[in-house]
């Protein structure tokens, strides 16, 4: 039983580490800011879930598991929020996505009248 627990924990930690590594490589290889933040935010969500899940399996039922679950909950709330805030701040500062140079932002488009 303990060997199975060790195996599952190790596989989760290694898989999570590979996701984080893929996110780091993606951040280096992507062409512009928005694609970089997209790749990093996706792996920033799944990588820590797998790593912390593996650590929780390794720790068993203990206070350490409760603390790891609290850290995981905090990461699941803050990581997507931070990615959204960063992308929104870049857009508001005038940084356009690569294919949208020269276009007006959606908020500057004239409002359409509805048929009522």
Protein backbone atom coordinates (compact mmCIF):
# COMPACT_ATOMS: atom_id res chain seq x y z
CA UNK A 1 0.00 0.00 0.00
CA UNK A 2 2.79 2.42 0.89
CA UNK A 3 4.60 1.60 -2.36
CA UNK A 4 1.49 2.46 -4.37
CA UNK A 5 1.11 5.72 -2.45
CA UNK A 6 4.76 6.59 -3.15
CA UNK A 7 4.33 5.72 -6.84
CA UNK A 8 1.19 7.84 -7.28
CA UNK A 9 2.76 10.76 -5.40
CA UNK A 10 5.92 10.57 -7.49
CA UNK A 11 4.00 10.40 -10.77
CA UNK A 12 1.89 13.42 -9.82
CA UNK A 13 4.92 15.49 -8.83
CA UNK A 14 6.85 14.56 -11.98
CA UNK A 15 3.85 15.23 -14.23
CA UNK A 16 3.24 18.59 -12.56
CA UNK A 17 6.91 19.48 -12.93
CA UNK A 18 6.75 18.66 -16.65
CA UNK A 19 3.73 20.94 -17.03
CA UNK A 20 5.59 23.78 -15.30
CA UNK A 21 8.62 23.14 -17.52
CA UNK A 22 6.41 23.22 -20.63
CA UNK A 23 4.98 26.55 -19.46
CA UNK A 24 8.47 27.98 -19.03
CA UNK A 25 9.52 26.84 -22.48
CA UNK A 26 6.27 28.20 -23.91
CA UNK A 27 6.90 31.58 -22.31
CA UNK A 28 10.26 31.71 -24.07
CA UNK A 29 9.00 30.49 -27.45
CA UNK A 30 5.72 32.37 -27.92
CA UNK A 31 5.78 35.45 -30.19
CA UNK A 32 3.98 38.15 -28.21
CA UNK A 33 2.89 39.12 -24.71
CA UNK A 34 -0.65 37.78 -24.87
CA UNK A 35 0.28 34.32 -26.15
CA UNK A 36 3.03 34.13 -23.54
CA UNK A 37 0.67 35.00 -20.72
CA UNK A 38 -1.91 32.54 -22.07
CA UNK A 39 0.56 29.64 -22.09
CA UNK A 40 1.98 30.55 -18.71
CA UNK A 41 -1.42 30.91 -17.08
CA UNK A 42 -2.62 27.52 -18.33
CA UNK A 43 0.40 25.68 -17.00
CA UNK A 44 0.40 27.84 -13.88
CA UNK A 45 -3.01 26.42 -13.08
CA UNK A 46 -2.44 22.72 -13.77
CA UNK A 47 1.21 22.33 -12.71
CA UNK A 48 0.81 23.32 -9.06
CA UNK A 49 -2.39 21.26 -8.78
CA UNK A 50 -0.49 18.15 -9.76
CA UNK A 51 2.59 18.92 -7.66
CA UNK A 52 0.59 19.81 -4.55
CA UNK A 53 -1.71 16.85 -5.17
CA UNK A 54 1.33 14.58 -5.19
CA UNK A 55 2.60 16.15 -1.99
CA UNK A 56 -0.82 15.66 -0.37
CA UNK A 57 -0.83 11.98 -1.37
CA UNK A 58 2.69 11.66 0.04
CA UNK A 59 1.74 13.33 3.33
CA UNK A 60 -1.34 11.18 3.91
CA UNK A 61 -4.09 12.35 6.23
CA UNK A 62 -2.39 14.94 8.40
CA UNK A 63 -2.23 18.61 9.20
CA UNK A 64 0.30 19.02 6.40
CA UNK A 65 -2.36 17.88 3.90
CA UNK A 66 -4.78 20.49 5.21
CA UNK A 67 -2.13 23.20 4.84
CA UNK A 68 -1.29 22.04 1.30
CA UNK A 69 -4.99 22.10 0.42
CA UNK A 70 -5.22 25.68 1.71
CA UNK A 71 -2.23 26.68 -0.43
CA UNK A 72 -3.82 24.94 -3.42
CA UNK A 73 -7.10 26.77 -2.90
CA UNK A 74 -5.24 30.09 -2.64
CA UNK A 75 -3.36 29.37 -5.89
CA UNK A 76 -6.55 28.40 -7.71
CA UNK A 77 -8.12 31.72 -6.78
CA UNK A 78 -5.17 34.04 -7.29
CA UNK A 79 -3.36 32.65 -10.37
CA UNK A 80 -6.19 33.12 -12.91
CA UNK A 81 -7.12 36.46 -11.36
CA UNK A 82 -3.54 37.70 -11.62
CA UNK A 83 -3.28 36.56 -15.26
CA UNK A 84 -6.50 38.34 -16.14
CA UNK A 85 -5.45 41.52 -14.34
CA UNK A 86 -2.06 41.54 -16.07
CA UNK A 87 -3.57 41.03 -19.54
CA UNK A 88 -6.26 43.64 -18.91
CA UNK A 89 -3.70 46.18 -17.68
CA UNK A 90 -1.58 45.59 -20.78
CA UNK A 91 -4.61 46.09 -23.02
CA UNK A 92 -5.60 49.28 -21.23
CA UNK A 93 -2.02 50.55 -21.50
CA UNK A 94 -2.27 50.25 -25.27
CA UNK A 95 -0.46 46.98 -25.95
CA UNK A 96 -2.43 45.32 -28.73
CA UNK A 97 -2.33 41.63 -29.61
CA UNK A 98 -0.09 40.83 -32.57
CA UNK A 99 -2.87 40.50 -35.17
CA UNK A 100 -4.75 43.63 -34.03
CA UNK A 101 -2.29 46.45 -34.72
CA UNK A 102 -4.11 49.25 -36.48
CA UNK A 103 -7.58 48.16 -35.40
CA UNK A 104 -9.73 50.06 -32.97
CA UNK A 105 -10.42 48.41 -29.62
CA UNK A 106 -13.90 46.90 -29.20
CA UNK A 107 -14.84 49.56 -26.64
CA UNK A 108 -14.28 52.33 -29.24
CA UNK A 109 -16.61 50.75 -31.81
CA UNK A 110 -19.89 52.62 -32.35
CA UNK A 111 -22.84 51.17 -30.51
CA UNK A 112 -25.46 49.47 -32.61
CA UNK A 113 -29.10 50.30 -32.21
CA UNK A 114 -31.33 47.40 -31.38
CA UNK A 115 -34.53 47.06 -33.36
CA UNK A 116 -36.92 47.93 -30.53
